[in-house]
């Protein structure tokens, strides 16, 4: 009697390595709006939490976070990323200061960004 034996070997690769995030555009100061970008070493989805004075956002984000009309003050962006195997990394943090106005000085007046003038000789 002949008995055939078959041995099947299956290899399953399991990804247990969390993604790595590197900020690309990360301003230390912004003027009323901010645009922050990053890359990851593998495909990943993100969750962004942004905290500032009278400001809070928690949104799904993919390689960028942007917002207009920010109030003046210190802000913190926390990005948590998840790869396709649901490995989590973060939060990766970036801090910056947002100003509402930028002034251009001339000899007798100051012009703000919105185009208005302040007379310094009153």
C-alpha atoms as a PDB file:
ATOM      1  CA  UNK A   1       0.000   0.000   0.000  1.00  0.00           C
ATOM      2  CA  UNK A   2       1.357   3.443  -0.951  1.00  0.00           C
ATOM      3  CA  UNK A   3       0.459   6.495   1.088  1.00  0.00           C
ATOM      4  CA  UNK A   4       1.226   9.900  -0.356  1.00  0.00           C
ATOM      5  CA  UNK A   5       1.874  12.633   2.084  1.00  0.00           C
ATOM      6  CA  UNK A   6       1.604  16.231   1.030  1.00  0.00           C
ATOM      7  CA  UNK A   7       2.964  18.973   3.106  1.00  0.00           C
ATOM      8  CA  UNK A   8       1.671  22.431   2.383  1.00  0.00           C
ATOM      9  CA  UNK A   9       3.507  25.337   3.858  1.00  0.00           C
ATOM     10  CA  UNK A  10       1.959  28.744   3.835  1.00  0.00           C
ATOM     11  CA  UNK A  11       3.834  31.862   4.749  1.00  0.00           C
ATOM     12  CA  UNK A  12       1.921  34.831   5.923  1.00  0.00           C
ATOM     13  CA  UNK A  13       3.697  38.129   6.316  1.00  0.00           C
ATOM     14  CA  UNK A  14       2.217  40.264   9.024  1.00  0.00           C
ATOM     15  CA  UNK A  15       3.018  43.965   9.064  1.00  0.00           C
ATOM     16  CA  UNK A  16       3.648  45.051  12.652  1.00  0.00           C
ATOM     17  CA  UNK A  17       5.747  48.118  11.860  1.00  0.00           C
ATOM     18  CA  UNK A  18       4.038  51.470  12.457  1.00  0.00           C
ATOM     19  CA  UNK A  19       4.348  54.179   9.814  1.00  0.00           C
ATOM     20  CA  UNK A  20       6.835  57.033  10.160  1.00  0.00           C
ATOM     21  CA  UNK A  21       5.721  60.620   9.547  1.00  0.00           C
ATOM     22  CA  UNK A  22       8.009  63.466   8.458  1.00  0.00           C
ATOM     23  CA  UNK A  23       6.719  67.038   8.299  1.00  0.00           C
ATOM     24  CA  UNK A  24       7.541  68.800   5.000  1.00  0.00           C
ATOM     25  CA  UNK A  25       5.907  72.209   5.391  1.00  0.00           C
ATOM     26  CA  UNK A  26       5.754  73.297   9.012  1.00  0.00           C
ATOM     27  CA  UNK A  27       5.729  77.043   9.539  1.00  0.00           C
ATOM     28  CA  UNK A  28       6.816  78.482  12.869  1.00  0.00           C
ATOM     29  CA  UNK A  29       4.557  81.495  12.198  1.00  0.00           C
ATOM     30  CA  UNK A  30       1.454  81.882  10.084  1.00  0.00           C
ATOM     31  CA  UNK A  31      -0.670  84.827   9.028  1.00  0.00           C
ATOM     32  CA  UNK A  32      -4.388  84.149   9.523  1.00  0.00           C
ATOM     33  CA  UNK A  33      -4.137  80.772   7.763  1.00  0.00           C
ATOM     34  CA  UNK A  34      -1.931  77.714   8.036  1.00  0.00           C
ATOM     35  CA  UNK A  35      -0.951  74.975   5.602  1.00  0.00           C
ATOM     36  CA  UNK A  36       1.056  72.071   7.049  1.00  0.00           C
ATOM     37  CA  UNK A  37       2.102  69.041   4.992  1.00  0.00           C
ATOM     38  CA  UNK A  38       3.866  65.738   5.662  1.00  0.00           C
ATOM     39  CA  UNK A  39       4.868  62.434   4.109  1.00  0.00           C
ATOM     40  CA  UNK A  40       4.856  58.897   5.506  1.00  0.00           C
ATOM     41  CA  UNK A  41       7.150  55.990   4.683  1.00  0.00           C
ATOM     42  CA  UNK A  42       4.135  53.883   3.629  1.00  0.00           C
ATOM     43  CA  UNK A  43       0.482  54.372   2.702  1.00  0.00           C
ATOM     44  CA  UNK A  44      -1.251  55.747   5.756  1.00  0.00           C
ATOM     45  CA  UNK A  45      -4.390  57.580   6.815  1.00  0.00           C
ATOM     46  CA  UNK A  46      -4.373  60.218   9.490  1.00  0.00           C
ATOM     47  CA  UNK A  47      -6.375  61.948  12.172  1.00  0.00           C
ATOM     48  CA  UNK A  48      -5.490  65.592  12.870  1.00  0.00           C
ATOM     49  CA  UNK A  49      -6.242  67.328  16.145  1.00  0.00           C
ATOM     50  CA  UNK A  50      -5.591  71.065  16.193  1.00  0.00           C
ATOM     51  CA  UNK A  51      -5.792  73.142  19.355  1.00  0.00           C
ATOM     52  CA  UNK A  52      -5.455  76.916  19.616  1.00  0.00           C
ATOM     53  CA  UNK A  53      -7.010  79.878  21.408  1.00  0.00           C
ATOM     54  CA  UNK A  54     -10.805  79.473  21.122  1.00  0.00           C
ATOM     55  CA  UNK A  55     -10.130  76.843  18.436  1.00  0.00           C
ATOM     56  CA  UNK A  56     -10.392  73.047  18.252  1.00  0.00           C
ATOM     57  CA  UNK A  57     -10.620  70.698  15.255  1.00  0.00           C
ATOM     58  CA  UNK A  58     -10.407  66.921  15.016  1.00  0.00           C
ATOM     59  CA  UNK A  59     -10.608  65.722  11.412  1.00  0.00           C
ATOM     60  CA  UNK A  60      -9.480  62.930   9.114  1.00  0.00           C
ATOM     61  CA  UNK A  61      -6.462  64.189   7.178  1.00  0.00           C
ATOM     62  CA  UNK A  62      -4.273  62.820   4.421  1.00  0.00           C
ATOM     63  CA  UNK A  63      -0.758  64.274   4.135  1.00  0.00           C
ATOM     64  CA  UNK A  64      -1.930  67.849   4.834  1.00  0.00           C
ATOM     65  CA  UNK A  65      -3.894  70.098   7.161  1.00  0.00           C
ATOM     66  CA  UNK A  66      -5.011  73.575   6.195  1.00  0.00           C
ATOM     67  CA  UNK A  67      -7.284  76.199   7.720  1.00  0.00           C
ATOM     68  CA  UNK A  68      -8.153  79.848   7.003  1.00  0.00           C
ATOM     69  CA  UNK A  69      -9.166  82.682   9.349  1.00  0.00           C
ATOM     70  CA  UNK A  70      -7.372  81.369  12.416  1.00  0.00           C
ATOM     71  CA  UNK A  71      -7.469  83.448  15.588  1.00  0.00           C
ATOM     72  CA  UNK A  72      -4.248  84.957  16.885  1.00  0.00           C
ATOM     73  CA  UNK A  73      -2.196  82.813  19.249  1.00  0.00           C
ATOM     74  CA  UNK A  74      -0.253  79.587  19.764  1.00  0.00           C
ATOM     75  CA  UNK A  75      -1.428  76.442  17.954  1.00  0.00           C
ATOM     76  CA  UNK A  76      -0.594  72.742  18.239  1.00  0.00           C
ATOM     77  CA  UNK A  77      -1.221  70.150  15.525  1.00  0.00           C
ATOM     78  CA  UNK A  78      -1.178  66.461  16.552  1.00  0.00           C
ATOM     79  CA  UNK A  79      -1.226  63.928  13.698  1.00  0.00           C
ATOM     80  CA  UNK A  80      -1.863  60.241  14.387  1.00  0.00           C
ATOM     81  CA  UNK A  81      -1.387  57.920  11.390  1.00  0.00           C
ATOM     82  CA  UNK A  82      -2.575  54.384  10.647  1.00  0.00           C
ATOM     83  CA  UNK A  83      -1.188  52.127   7.931  1.00  0.00           C
ATOM     84  CA  UNK A  84      -3.190  49.564   5.919  1.00  0.00           C
ATOM     85  CA  UNK A  85      -2.553  46.936   8.623  1.00  0.00           C
ATOM     86  CA  UNK A  86      -3.941  49.371  11.210  1.00  0.00           C
ATOM     87  CA  UNK A  87      -0.590  49.911  12.888  1.00  0.00           C
ATOM     88  CA  UNK A  88      -0.790  53.255  14.666  1.00  0.00           C
ATOM     89  CA  UNK A  89       1.935  55.860  15.174  1.00  0.00           C
ATOM     90  CA  UNK A  90       1.922  59.251  16.809  1.00  0.00           C
ATOM     91  CA  UNK A  91       0.810  61.684  17.661  1.00  0.00           C
ATOM     92  CA  UNK A  92       3.424  63.603  15.698  1.00  0.00           C
ATOM     93  CA  UNK A  93       3.342  67.195  16.904  1.00  0.00           C
ATOM     94  CA  UNK A  94       3.972  70.601  15.363  1.00  0.00           C
ATOM     95  CA  UNK A  95       3.570  73.952  17.144  1.00  0.00           C
ATOM     96  CA  UNK A  96       3.378  77.431  15.626  1.00  0.00           C
ATOM     97  CA  UNK A  97       2.159  80.967  16.277  1.00  0.00           C
ATOM     98  CA  UNK A  98      -0.580  82.541  14.168  1.00  0.00           C
ATOM     99  CA  UNK A  99      -0.881  86.305  13.784  1.00  0.00           C
ATOM    100  CA  UNK A 100      -3.968  88.058  12.431  1.00  0.00           C
ATOM    101  CA  UNK A 101      -2.072  91.010  10.970  1.00  0.00           C
ATOM    102  CA  UNK A 102       1.222  91.757   9.296  1.00  0.00           C
ATOM    103  CA  UNK A 103       2.386  95.341   9.109  1.00  0.00           C
ATOM    104  CA  UNK A 104       4.392  96.969   6.344  1.00  0.00           C
ATOM    105  CA  UNK A 105       6.160 100.069   7.651  1.00  0.00           C
ATOM    106  CA  UNK A 106       6.682 103.201   5.624  1.00  0.00           C
ATOM    107  CA  UNK A 107       8.009 106.599   6.699  1.00  0.00           C
ATOM    108  CA  UNK A 108       4.728 108.089   7.947  1.00  0.00           C
ATOM    109  CA  UNK A 109       2.186 105.280   8.098  1.00  0.00           C
ATOM    110  CA  UNK A 110       1.707 101.609   8.708  1.00  0.00           C
ATOM    111  CA  UNK A 111      -0.225  99.480   6.232  1.00  0.00           C
ATOM    112  CA  UNK A 112      -1.852  96.276   7.424  1.00  0.00           C
ATOM    113  CA  UNK A 113      -2.427  93.288   5.171  1.00  0.00           C
ATOM    114  CA  UNK A 114      -6.035  94.196   4.418  1.00  0.00           C
ATOM    115  CA  UNK A 115      -4.848  97.476   2.882  1.00  0.00           C
ATOM    116  CA  UNK A 116      -5.924  99.897   5.621  1.00  0.00           C
ATOM    117  CA  UNK A 117      -3.571 102.661   6.787  1.00  0.00           C
ATOM    118  CA  UNK A 118      -2.845 103.973  10.267  1.00  0.00           C
ATOM    119  CA  UNK A 119      -1.536 107.537  10.457  1.00  0.00           C
ATOM    120  CA  UNK A 120       1.428 107.767  12.822  1.00  0.00           C
ATOM    121  CA  UNK A 121       1.513 111.587  12.755  1.00  0.00           C
ATOM    122  CA  UNK A 122      -1.876 112.336  14.391  1.00  0.00           C
END
